[in-house]
Amino acid sequence: MTNTSYDRVCYRTEQREESVPLRNVKNGQLGYSFGCTQAGNTVQVKLTNGQLDSWSSDECVESFQEPF
């Protein structure tokens, strides 16, 4: 994810209180943002199975595909 995309996702998540769908490019998992850590360039996500995780901005992209 580019810095611009990361900033947009974090703005939508933290200022507009949206859960942005994200896909992990390393393992294909789908998650929804619920927070960002600017110092570490990470996004906190809730996975579709309910678990919580943290992904760095370089291992995720915004996803426009909903799970089946």
C-alpha atoms as a PDB file:
ATOM      1  CA  MET A   1       0.000   0.000   0.000  1.00  0.00           C
ATOM      2  CA  THR A   2       1.378   3.410  -0.875  1.00  0.00           C
ATOM      3  CA  ASN A   3       1.722   6.136   1.742  1.00  0.00           C
ATOM      4  CA  THR A   4      -1.222   7.952   0.169  1.00  0.00           C
ATOM      5  CA  SER A   5      -3.404   4.837   0.383  1.00  0.00           C
ATOM      6  CA  TYR A   6      -2.311   4.239   3.985  1.00  0.00           C
ATOM      7  CA  ASP A   7      -3.185   7.832   4.930  1.00  0.00           C
ATOM      8  CA  ARG A   8      -6.592   7.504   3.219  1.00  0.00           C
ATOM      9  CA  VAL A   9      -7.385   4.207   4.977  1.00  0.00           C
ATOM     10  CA  CYS A  10      -6.345   5.653   8.350  1.00  0.00           C
ATOM     11  CA  TYR A  11      -8.375   8.819   7.785  1.00  0.00           C
ATOM     12  CA  ARG A  12     -11.472   6.805   6.895  1.00  0.00           C
ATOM     13  CA  THR A  13     -10.910   4.475   9.858  1.00  0.00           C
ATOM     14  CA  GLU A  14     -10.091   7.013  12.554  1.00  0.00           C
ATOM     15  CA  GLN A  15     -11.906  10.179  11.471  1.00  0.00           C
ATOM     16  CA  ARG A  16     -14.970   8.780   9.716  1.00  0.00           C
ATOM     17  CA  GLU A  17     -15.208   5.625  11.845  1.00  0.00           C
ATOM     18  CA  GLU A  18     -15.413   3.347   8.793  1.00  0.00           C
ATOM     19  CA  SER A  19     -14.165  -0.233   8.663  1.00  0.00           C
ATOM     20  CA  VAL A  20     -12.179  -0.369   5.448  1.00  0.00           C
ATOM     21  CA  PRO A  21     -11.906  -3.840   3.834  1.00  0.00           C
ATOM     22  CA  LEU A  22      -8.246  -4.832   3.392  1.00  0.00           C
ATOM     23  CA  ARG A  23      -6.546  -7.879   1.903  1.00  0.00           C
ATOM     24  CA  ASN A  24      -3.195  -9.198   3.109  1.00  0.00           C
ATOM     25  CA  VAL A  25      -1.046  -9.668  -0.012  1.00  0.00           C
ATOM     26  CA  LYS A  26       1.163 -12.287   1.685  1.00  0.00           C
ATOM     27  CA  ASN A  27      -1.526 -14.735   2.818  1.00  0.00           C
ATOM     28  CA  GLY A  28      -4.735 -13.566   1.101  1.00  0.00           C
ATOM     29  CA  GLN A  29      -6.648 -12.975   4.357  1.00  0.00           C
ATOM     30  CA  LEU A  30      -9.444 -10.410   4.385  1.00  0.00           C
ATOM     31  CA  GLY A  31      -9.836  -8.050   7.308  1.00  0.00           C
ATOM     32  CA  TYR A  32     -11.527  -4.795   8.254  1.00  0.00           C
ATOM     33  CA  SER A  33      -9.598  -1.851   9.683  1.00  0.00           C
ATOM     34  CA  PHE A  34     -10.349  -0.589  13.176  1.00  0.00           C
ATOM     35  CA  GLY A  35      -7.218   1.427  13.952  1.00  0.00           C
ATOM     36  CA  CYS A  36      -3.841   2.646  12.737  1.00  0.00           C
ATOM     37  CA  THR A  37      -0.430   3.112  14.334  1.00  0.00           C
ATOM     38  CA  GLN A  38       1.308   5.939  12.511  1.00  0.00           C
ATOM     39  CA  ALA A  39       4.685   5.339  14.172  1.00  0.00           C
ATOM     40  CA  GLY A  40       4.862   1.773  12.874  1.00  0.00           C
ATOM     41  CA  ASN A  41       2.871   2.282   9.668  1.00  0.00           C
ATOM     42  CA  THR A  42       0.518  -0.525  10.666  1.00  0.00           C
ATOM     43  CA  VAL A  43      -3.210  -1.077  10.405  1.00  0.00           C
ATOM     44  CA  GLN A  44      -5.136  -3.002  13.044  1.00  0.00           C
ATOM     45  CA  VAL A  45      -7.634  -5.326  11.427  1.00  0.00           C
ATOM     46  CA  LYS A  46     -10.447  -7.608  12.472  1.00  0.00           C
ATOM     47  CA  LEU A  47     -10.317 -10.755  10.358  1.00  0.00           C
ATOM     48  CA  THR A  48     -13.443 -12.357   8.931  1.00  0.00           C
ATOM     49  CA  ASN A  49     -13.122 -15.150  11.532  1.00  0.00           C
ATOM     50  CA  GLY A  50     -13.265 -12.576  14.359  1.00  0.00           C
ATOM     51  CA  GLN A  51      -9.570 -12.617  15.284  1.00  0.00           C
ATOM     52  CA  LEU A  52      -7.606  -9.393  15.605  1.00  0.00           C
ATOM     53  CA  ASP A  53      -4.333  -8.767  13.799  1.00  0.00           C
ATOM     54  CA  SER A  54      -1.965  -5.978  12.829  1.00  0.00           C
ATOM     55  CA  TRP A  55      -0.601  -5.616   9.291  1.00  0.00           C
ATOM     56  CA  SER A  56       2.162  -3.333   8.079  1.00  0.00           C
ATOM     57  CA  SER A  57       1.214  -1.013   5.239  1.00  0.00           C
ATOM     58  CA  ASP A  58       3.473  -2.882   2.812  1.00  0.00           C
ATOM     59  CA  GLU A  59       1.659  -6.207   3.319  1.00  0.00           C
ATOM     60  CA  CYS A  60      -1.916  -5.094   2.676  1.00  0.00           C
ATOM     61  CA  VAL A  61      -4.046  -3.408   0.036  1.00  0.00           C
ATOM     62  CA  GLU A  62      -7.531  -1.983   0.053  1.00  0.00           C
ATOM     63  CA  SER A  63      -9.967  -4.696  -1.020  1.00  0.00           C
ATOM     64  CA  PHE A  64     -13.128  -4.061  -2.940  1.00  0.00           C
ATOM     65  CA  GLN A  65     -14.173  -7.709  -2.827  1.00  0.00           C
ATOM     66  CA  GLU A  66     -16.489  -8.905  -0.116  1.00  0.00           C
ATOM     67  CA  PRO A  67     -16.079 -12.442   1.218  1.00  0.00           C
ATOM     68  CA  PHE A  68     -18.496 -15.101  -0.042  1.00  0.00           C
END
